[in-house]
Every structure is written in structure tokens, then in C-alpha cells.
C-alpha atoms as a PDB file:
ATOM      1  CA  UNK A   1     -99.481 -59.763 -54.902  1.00  0.00           C
ATOM      2  CA  UNK A   2     -98.785 -57.087 -52.452  1.00  0.00           C
ATOM      3  CA  UNK A   3    -101.327 -57.018 -49.664  1.00  0.00           C
ATOM      4  CA  UNK A   4    -101.914 -53.360 -48.680  1.00  0.00           C
ATOM      5  CA  UNK A   5    -105.579 -53.101 -47.511  1.00  0.00           C
ATOM      6  CA  UNK A   6    -105.240 -53.344 -43.824  1.00  0.00           C
ATOM      7  CA  UNK A   7    -106.620 -50.467 -41.599  1.00  0.00           C
ATOM      8  CA  UNK A   8    -103.152 -50.025 -39.770  1.00  0.00           C
ATOM      9  CA  UNK A   9    -105.161 -49.309 -36.411  1.00  0.00           C
ATOM     10  CA  UNK A  10    -102.036 -50.044 -34.227  1.00  0.00           C
ATOM     11  CA  UNK A  11     -99.944 -47.797 -36.440  1.00  0.00           C
ATOM     12  CA  UNK A  12    -102.333 -45.001 -36.380  1.00  0.00           C
ATOM     13  CA  UNK A  13    -102.975 -44.649 -40.174  1.00  0.00           C
ATOM     14  CA  UNK A  14    -102.423 -46.317 -43.485  1.00  0.00           C
ATOM     15  CA  UNK A  15     -99.091 -48.109 -43.135  1.00  0.00           C
ATOM     16  CA  UNK A  16     -98.443 -48.682 -46.840  1.00  0.00           C
ATOM     17  CA  UNK A  17     -97.836 -44.890 -47.460  1.00  0.00           C
ATOM     18  CA  UNK A  18     -95.576 -44.392 -44.552  1.00  0.00           C
ATOM     19  CA  UNK A  19     -92.145 -43.673 -45.721  1.00  0.00           C
ATOM     20  CA  UNK A  20     -88.956 -45.659 -45.188  1.00  0.00           C
ATOM     21  CA  UNK A  21     -85.719 -44.483 -46.823  1.00  0.00           C
ATOM     22  CA  UNK A  22     -87.759 -41.761 -48.636  1.00  0.00           C
ATOM     23  CA  UNK A  23     -90.258 -44.281 -50.219  1.00  0.00           C
ATOM     24  CA  UNK A  24     -93.644 -45.615 -49.299  1.00  0.00           C
ATOM     25  CA  UNK A  25     -93.608 -49.062 -47.714  1.00  0.00           C
ATOM     26  CA  UNK A  26     -95.797 -50.402 -50.410  1.00  0.00           C
ATOM     27  CA  UNK A  27     -93.169 -49.407 -52.964  1.00  0.00           C
ATOM     28  CA  UNK A  28     -90.411 -51.434 -51.188  1.00  0.00           C
ATOM     29  CA  UNK A  29     -92.646 -54.512 -51.745  1.00  0.00           C
ATOM     30  CA  UNK A  30     -93.374 -53.638 -55.347  1.00  0.00           C
ATOM     31  CA  UNK A  31     -89.691 -52.920 -56.048  1.00  0.00           C
ATOM     32  CA  UNK A  32     -88.623 -56.298 -54.392  1.00  0.00           C
ATOM     33  CA  UNK A  33     -91.035 -58.099 -56.660  1.00  0.00           C
ATOM     34  CA  UNK A  34     -89.838 -56.394 -59.716  1.00  0.00           C
ATOM     35  CA  UNK A  35     -86.165 -57.039 -58.873  1.00  0.00           C
ATOM     36  CA  UNK A  36     -87.113 -60.851 -58.348  1.00  0.00           C
ATOM     37  CA  UNK A  37     -88.386 -60.602 -62.065  1.00  0.00           C
ATOM     38  CA  UNK A  38     -92.036 -61.145 -61.242  1.00  0.00           C
ATOM     39  CA  UNK A  39     -93.937 -60.462 -64.413  1.00  0.00           C
ATOM     40  CA  UNK A  40     -96.993 -58.804 -63.030  1.00  0.00           C
ATOM     41  CA  UNK A  41     -97.505 -57.069 -59.791  1.00  0.00           C
ATOM     42  CA  UNK A  42    -100.899 -56.617 -58.199  1.00  0.00           C
ATOM     43  CA  UNK A  43    -101.454 -54.281 -55.195  1.00  0.00           C
ATOM     44  CA  UNK A  44    -104.481 -55.045 -53.101  1.00  0.00           C
ATOM     45  CA  UNK A  45    -105.770 -51.931 -51.515  1.00  0.00           C
ATOM     46  CA  UNK A  46    -108.811 -51.305 -49.138  1.00  0.00           C
ATOM     47  CA  UNK A  47    -108.391 -48.966 -46.153  1.00  0.00           C
ATOM     48  CA  UNK A  48    -107.667 -45.582 -47.592  1.00  0.00           C
ATOM     49  CA  UNK A  49    -107.741 -47.154 -51.012  1.00  0.00           C
ATOM     50  CA  UNK A  50    -107.020 -43.872 -53.017  1.00  0.00           C
ATOM     51  CA  UNK A  51    -104.294 -42.731 -50.881  1.00  0.00           C
ATOM     52  CA  UNK A  52    -102.441 -46.156 -51.274  1.00  0.00           C
ATOM     53  CA  UNK A  53    -103.231 -46.354 -54.983  1.00  0.00           C
ATOM     54  CA  UNK A  54    -101.809 -42.951 -55.382  1.00  0.00           C
ATOM     55  CA  UNK A  55     -98.507 -44.148 -53.877  1.00  0.00           C
ATOM     56  CA  UNK A  56     -97.987 -46.575 -56.731  1.00  0.00           C
ATOM     57  CA  UNK A  57     -99.589 -44.421 -59.572  1.00  0.00           C
ATOM     58  CA  UNK A  58     -96.344 -43.787 -61.238  1.00  0.00           C
ATOM     59  CA  UNK A  59     -95.747 -47.442 -61.711  1.00  0.00           C
ATOM     60  CA  UNK A  60     -97.994 -47.767 -64.638  1.00  0.00           C
ATOM     61  CA  UNK A  61     -97.317 -51.545 -64.882  1.00  0.00           C
ATOM     62  CA  UNK A  62     -98.688 -52.208 -61.445  1.00  0.00           C
ATOM     63  CA  UNK A  63    -102.313 -53.369 -61.252  1.00  0.00           C
ATOM     64  CA  UNK A  64    -104.296 -51.932 -58.275  1.00  0.00           C
ATOM     65  CA  UNK A  65    -107.197 -54.054 -57.046  1.00  0.00           C
ATOM     66  CA  UNK A  66    -109.552 -52.603 -54.519  1.00  0.00           C
ATOM     67  CA  UNK A  67    -110.848 -54.983 -51.778  1.00  0.00           C
ATOM     68  CA  UNK A  68    -114.143 -53.592 -50.497  1.00  0.00           C
ATOM     69  CA  UNK A  69    -114.290 -56.357 -47.807  1.00  0.00           C
ATOM     70  CA  UNK A  70    -110.963 -55.610 -46.313  1.00  0.00           C
ATOM     71  CA  UNK A  71    -112.262 -55.006 -42.765  1.00  0.00           C
ATOM     72  CA  UNK A  72    -113.267 -58.754 -42.724  1.00  0.00           C
ATOM     73  CA  UNK A  73    -109.619 -59.896 -42.705  1.00  0.00           C
ATOM     74  CA  UNK A  74    -106.586 -60.582 -44.658  1.00  0.00           C
ATOM     75  CA  UNK A  75    -108.189 -63.613 -46.354  1.00  0.00           C
ATOM     76  CA  UNK A  76    -110.496 -61.275 -48.385  1.00  0.00           C
ATOM     77  CA  UNK A  77    -107.365 -59.554 -49.721  1.00  0.00           C
ATOM     78  CA  UNK A  78    -105.854 -62.811 -50.798  1.00  0.00           C
ATOM     79  CA  UNK A  79    -109.042 -63.804 -52.510  1.00  0.00           C
ATOM     80  CA  UNK A  80    -109.417 -60.439 -54.298  1.00  0.00           C
ATOM     81  CA  UNK A  81    -105.819 -60.552 -55.574  1.00  0.00           C
ATOM     82  CA  UNK A  82    -106.103 -64.102 -56.730  1.00  0.00           C
ATOM     83  CA  UNK A  83    -109.387 -63.434 -58.523  1.00  0.00           C
ATOM     84  CA  UNK A  84    -107.694 -60.573 -60.358  1.00  0.00           C
ATOM     85  CA  UNK A  85    -104.683 -62.877 -61.163  1.00  0.00           C
ATOM     86  CA  UNK A  86    -106.975 -65.435 -62.775  1.00  0.00           C
ATOM     87  CA  UNK A  87    -107.863 -63.087 -65.497  1.00  0.00           C
ATOM     88  CA  UNK A  88    -104.120 -63.156 -66.591  1.00  0.00           C
ATOM     89  CA  UNK A  89    -104.100 -66.415 -68.459  1.00  0.00           C
ATOM     90  CA  UNK A  90    -100.312 -66.676 -68.662  1.00  0.00           C
ATOM     91  CA  UNK A  91    -100.121 -66.518 -64.868  1.00  0.00           C
ATOM     92  CA  UNK A  92     -98.832 -69.685 -63.394  1.00  0.00           C
ATOM     93  CA  UNK A  93     -97.622 -68.790 -59.768  1.00  0.00           C
ATOM     94  CA  UNK A  94     -98.909 -66.147 -57.326  1.00  0.00           C
ATOM     95  CA  UNK A  95     -96.483 -64.871 -54.670  1.00  0.00           C
ATOM     96  CA  UNK A  96     -97.968 -63.100 -51.663  1.00  0.00           C
ATOM     97  CA  UNK A  97     -95.893 -60.148 -50.131  1.00  0.00           C
ATOM     98  CA  UNK A  98     -96.967 -57.788 -47.340  1.00  0.00           C
ATOM     99  CA  UNK A  99     -96.793 -54.087 -47.787  1.00  0.00           C
ATOM    100  CA  UNK A 100     -95.671 -53.794 -44.133  1.00  0.00           C
ATOM    101  CA  UNK A 101     -92.655 -56.054 -44.470  1.00  0.00           C
ATOM    102  CA  UNK A 102     -90.210 -53.860 -46.407  1.00  0.00           C
ATOM    103  CA  UNK A 103     -86.933 -55.711 -46.042  1.00  0.00           C
ATOM    104  CA  UNK A 104     -87.984 -58.897 -48.056  1.00  0.00           C
ATOM    105  CA  UNK A 105     -85.086 -60.121 -50.134  1.00  0.00           C
ATOM    106  CA  UNK A 106     -85.800 -60.458 -53.791  1.00  0.00           C
ATOM    107  CA  UNK A 107     -83.514 -63.422 -53.927  1.00  0.00           C
ATOM    108  CA  UNK A 108     -85.792 -65.230 -51.419  1.00  0.00           C
ATOM    109  CA  UNK A 109     -88.750 -64.408 -53.620  1.00  0.00           C
ATOM    110  CA  UNK A 110     -87.089 -66.135 -56.594  1.00  0.00           C
ATOM    111  CA  UNK A 111     -86.238 -69.125 -54.411  1.00  0.00           C
ATOM    112  CA  UNK A 112     -89.648 -69.528 -53.179  1.00  0.00           C
ATOM    113  CA  UNK A 113     -91.117 -69.499 -56.731  1.00  0.00           C
ATOM    114  CA  UNK A 114     -88.384 -72.102 -57.964  1.00  0.00           C
ATOM    115  CA  UNK A 115     -89.393 -74.302 -54.931  1.00  0.00           C
ATOM    116  CA  UNK A 116     -92.697 -75.009 -56.771  1.00  0.00           C
ATOM    117  CA  UNK A 117     -91.016 -76.709 -59.498  1.00  0.00           C
ATOM    118  CA  UNK A 118     -91.030 -80.087 -57.783  1.00  0.00           C
ATOM    119  CA  UNK A 119     -94.847 -80.109 -57.581  1.00  0.00           C
ATOM    120  CA  UNK A 120     -95.594 -78.811 -54.057  1.00  0.00           C
ATOM    121  CA  UNK A 121     -98.979 -77.096 -53.474  1.00  0.00           C
ATOM    122  CA  UNK A 122     -97.227 -74.242 -51.568  1.00  0.00           C
ATOM    123  CA  UNK A 123     -93.715 -72.812 -51.071  1.00  0.00           C
ATOM    124  CA  UNK A 124     -92.852 -70.489 -48.393  1.00  0.00           C
ATOM    125  CA  UNK A 125     -89.779 -68.901 -46.711  1.00  0.00           C
ATOM    126  CA  UNK A 126     -88.636 -70.575 -43.395  1.00  0.00           C
ATOM    127  CA  UNK A 127     -86.344 -68.243 -41.549  1.00  0.00           C
ATOM    128  CA  UNK A 128     -84.260 -69.233 -38.352  1.00  0.00           C
ATOM    129  CA  UNK A 129     -87.135 -68.104 -35.923  1.00  0.00           C
ATOM    130  CA  UNK A 130     -90.239 -69.053 -37.812  1.00  0.00           C
ATOM    131  CA  UNK A 131     -91.774 -69.329 -41.273  1.00  0.00           C
ATOM    132  CA  UNK A 132     -93.273 -66.336 -43.056  1.00  0.00           C
ATOM    133  CA  UNK A 133     -93.437 -64.580 -46.237  1.00  0.00           C
ATOM    134  CA  UNK A 134     -93.071 -64.637 -49.208  1.00  0.00           C
ATOM    135  CA  UNK A 135     -95.503 -67.504 -49.831  1.00  0.00           C
ATOM    136  CA  UNK A 136     -96.212 -68.887 -53.316  1.00  0.00           C
ATOM    137  CA  UNK A 137     -99.063 -70.879 -54.815  1.00  0.00           C
ATOM    138  CA  UNK A 138     -99.298 -72.499 -58.272  1.00  0.00           C
ATOM    139  CA  UNK A 139    -102.254 -71.650 -60.383  1.00  0.00           C
ATOM    140  CA  UNK A 140    -103.947 -74.924 -59.664  1.00  0.00           C
ATOM    141  CA  UNK A 141    -104.392 -74.221 -56.012  1.00  0.00           C
ATOM    142  CA  UNK A 142    -105.899 -70.812 -56.574  1.00  0.00           C
ATOM    143  CA  UNK A 143    -109.513 -71.877 -56.744  1.00  0.00           C
ATOM    144  CA  UNK A 144    -109.409 -73.734 -53.532  1.00  0.00           C
ATOM    145  CA  UNK A 145    -107.931 -70.533 -51.907  1.00  0.00           C
ATOM    146  CA  UNK A 146    -110.640 -68.428 -53.372  1.00  0.00           C
ATOM    147  CA  UNK A 147    -113.335 -70.715 -52.203  1.00  0.00           C
ATOM    148  CA  UNK A 148    -112.088 -71.650 -48.673  1.00  0.00           C
ATOM    149  CA  UNK A 149    -109.981 -68.775 -47.123  1.00  0.00           C
ATOM    150  CA  UNK A 150    -111.740 -66.775 -44.242  1.00  0.00           C
ATOM    151  CA  UNK A 151    -110.729 -64.472 -41.599  1.00  0.00           C
ATOM    152  CA  UNK A 152    -107.475 -62.596 -40.726  1.00  0.00           C
ATOM    153  CA  UNK A 153    -105.041 -65.470 -41.019  1.00  0.00           C
ATOM    154  CA  UNK A 154    -104.453 -65.267 -44.863  1.00  0.00           C
ATOM    155  CA  UNK A 155    -103.612 -68.712 -46.191  1.00  0.00           C
ATOM    156  CA  UNK A 156    -102.351 -70.170 -42.972  1.00  0.00           C
ATOM    157  CA  UNK A 157    -105.444 -71.871 -42.237  1.00  0.00           C
ATOM    158  CA  UNK A 158    -105.075 -74.110 -45.198  1.00  0.00           C
ATOM    159  CA  UNK A 159    -101.294 -74.833 -45.156  1.00  0.00           C
ATOM    160  CA  UNK A 160    -101.828 -77.924 -42.871  1.00  0.00           C
ATOM    161  CA  UNK A 161    -103.874 -79.421 -45.610  1.00  0.00           C
ATOM    162  CA  UNK A 162    -101.426 -78.815 -48.507  1.00  0.00           C
ATOM    163  CA  UNK A 163     -98.027 -80.047 -49.460  1.00  0.00           C
ATOM    164  CA  UNK A 164     -95.585 -77.176 -48.377  1.00  0.00           C
ATOM    165  CA  UNK A 165     -92.108 -76.780 -49.587  1.00  0.00           C
ATOM    166  CA  UNK A 166     -90.013 -74.755 -47.220  1.00  0.00           C
ATOM    167  CA  UNK A 167     -87.223 -72.423 -48.365  1.00  0.00           C
ATOM    168  CA  UNK A 168     -84.666 -72.315 -45.706  1.00  0.00           C
ATOM    169  CA  UNK A 169     -83.402 -68.710 -45.155  1.00  0.00           C
ATOM    170  CA  UNK A 170     -80.657 -67.878 -42.761  1.00  0.00           C
ATOM    171  CA  UNK A 171     -81.313 -65.225 -40.144  1.00  0.00           C
ATOM    172  CA  UNK A 172     -84.550 -63.897 -38.674  1.00  0.00           C
ATOM    173  CA  UNK A 173     -87.715 -63.116 -40.579  1.00  0.00           C
ATOM    174  CA  UNK A 174     -87.654 -59.575 -41.748  1.00  0.00           C
ATOM    175  CA  UNK A 175     -89.547 -57.265 -39.413  1.00  0.00           C
ATOM    176  CA  UNK A 176     -93.135 -56.384 -39.784  1.00  0.00           C
ATOM    177  CA  UNK A 177     -94.100 -52.673 -39.208  1.00  0.00           C
ATOM    178  CA  UNK A 178     -96.886 -52.589 -36.669  1.00  0.00           C
ATOM    179  CA  UNK A 179     -96.168 -49.445 -34.871  1.00  0.00           C
ATOM    180  CA  UNK A 180     -94.275 -46.248 -35.824  1.00  0.00           C
ATOM    181  CA  UNK A 181     -91.562 -47.317 -33.325  1.00  0.00           C
ATOM    182  CA  UNK A 182     -90.983 -50.365 -35.716  1.00  0.00           C
ATOM    183  CA  UNK A 183     -90.642 -47.893 -38.555  1.00  0.00           C
ATOM    184  CA  UNK A 184     -88.190 -45.767 -36.635  1.00  0.00           C
ATOM    185  CA  UNK A 185     -85.858 -48.778 -35.839  1.00  0.00           C
ATOM    186  CA  UNK A 186     -85.510 -49.593 -39.454  1.00  0.00           C
ATOM    187  CA  UNK A 187     -84.919 -46.189 -40.762  1.00  0.00           C
ATOM    188  CA  UNK A 188     -81.348 -45.948 -41.823  1.00  0.00           C
ATOM    189  CA  UNK A 189     -80.707 -49.655 -41.674  1.00  0.00           C
ATOM    190  CA  UNK A 190     -79.444 -51.188 -44.903  1.00  0.00           C
ATOM    191  CA  UNK A 191     -81.193 -54.178 -46.318  1.00  0.00           C
ATOM    192  CA  UNK A 192     -79.379 -57.694 -46.173  1.00  0.00           C
ATOM    193  CA  UNK A 193     -76.238 -57.011 -48.265  1.00  0.00           C
ATOM    194  CA  UNK A 194     -75.146 -60.609 -48.315  1.00  0.00           C
ATOM    195  CA  UNK A 195     -74.520 -62.115 -51.781  1.00  0.00           C
ATOM    196  CA  UNK A 196     -77.269 -64.692 -52.926  1.00  0.00           C
ATOM    197  CA  UNK A 197     -74.744 -67.449 -52.770  1.00  0.00           C
ATOM    198  CA  UNK A 198     -73.976 -66.681 -49.086  1.00  0.00           C
ATOM    199  CA  UNK A 199     -77.755 -66.851 -48.084  1.00  0.00           C
ATOM    200  CA  UNK A 200     -78.210 -70.376 -49.548  1.00  0.00           C
ATOM    201  CA  UNK A 201     -80.996 -71.776 -51.461  1.00  0.00           C
ATOM    202  CA  UNK A 202     -81.370 -74.936 -49.163  1.00  0.00           C
ATOM    203  CA  UNK A 203     -84.835 -76.394 -49.128  1.00  0.00           C
ATOM    204  CA  UNK A 204     -86.713 -78.942 -46.977  1.00  0.00           C
ATOM    205  CA  UNK A 205     -90.136 -80.330 -47.962  1.00  0.00           C
END
């Protein structure tokens, strides 16, 4: 699930369609999911929904879900995406990505999914500076998220009540794009080019 419904107030417009390295930010997240071999990608749109949906229109295998309640906070987008995911009977894990975080490593996405194999309720990346995305939830937890999430904190409000597997990722968390200056700093920078074995799959529960 790629969350791309925010209003982008601080950015001054719809962030998901702002371009980095010649591609809309939302496509960076979609392509990271595809590279990580995620079977089905859902993009949740809200603010400027048609504009953002157009940015992924050429990816016919991407499901676009409109969140009419996006102004009420990120939790509404998580709920909208999970509700759509429930319609896919074969879906077993939902991975949450942010459209404004374009340097997420596909290898980390795979590691987070794999971390659920020991039975945890949640798996999330834990960078040197703080925990962050991607975050993954097994299907059995989805109903609780749909019923209980509120506000603009996404799933963070429930994490203290769930068993969390932390995937240790060397380095700082990939930058969020909040302002145009953030995008300018990333322009021209190469994504992390280290080999997967150099990053390390270490995990602590």
C-alpha cells in the first residue's frame, strides 16, 4: 500500500506527482514495491485524487483507491487501503509505504515482510536514528487496524499494543519530502547502492 492522499500543505501542492529523477514521487514507491516482488500494489489517493491517479495510470496492474476522508488524517488512508486489500483473498501481508519517501530500499521491504514469519503482529524497519517505514501487518491484524485507527498517526497508536518485530537497517531513515527544498536536496543523489548482504538482515524483536 502506497499512501498518497495527503494535501501536501507544507509542500505547496500534491507531493506525489512532484518529480524526482524524472519520475513522480509516487512512482518511486510503486517501483520499490515491484522490485521487492510485492504481488499487488494499492495506491491510496485523496487530495487531487485524479492528478495523482493519472501519475500511475500507465501501470495497469496498480489498484487506485480513493479515500474521501483523507483530510481527517493518515489513519483513514490506511483503513481505505486495508479495506481494499481484504477483497483480495490471497493477500496475506500488507506493507505500508509513503509516497513522499522515495528512497525506500526494496531489500528492506522484503526483509520486513520476511520478519513476520515468526508470528509477530507487526514488522517495521528500525534505522540507526529511529524506526520508520516500511511497516508490514499480517492479514489477521487488518480488522483491528480498520476498526481502531484514528487521526494522523497512521498505525503508530496501536504499535505499543502489538508484538513488533524490528528489522535493523544500517544508516539513517530515508528522507521524507515535506518541502520543495527537501526534494531539491535529493535530486541527483543516487539511491543506496550497497549490496543487500552489506546492509544486513539483522533483526531484534
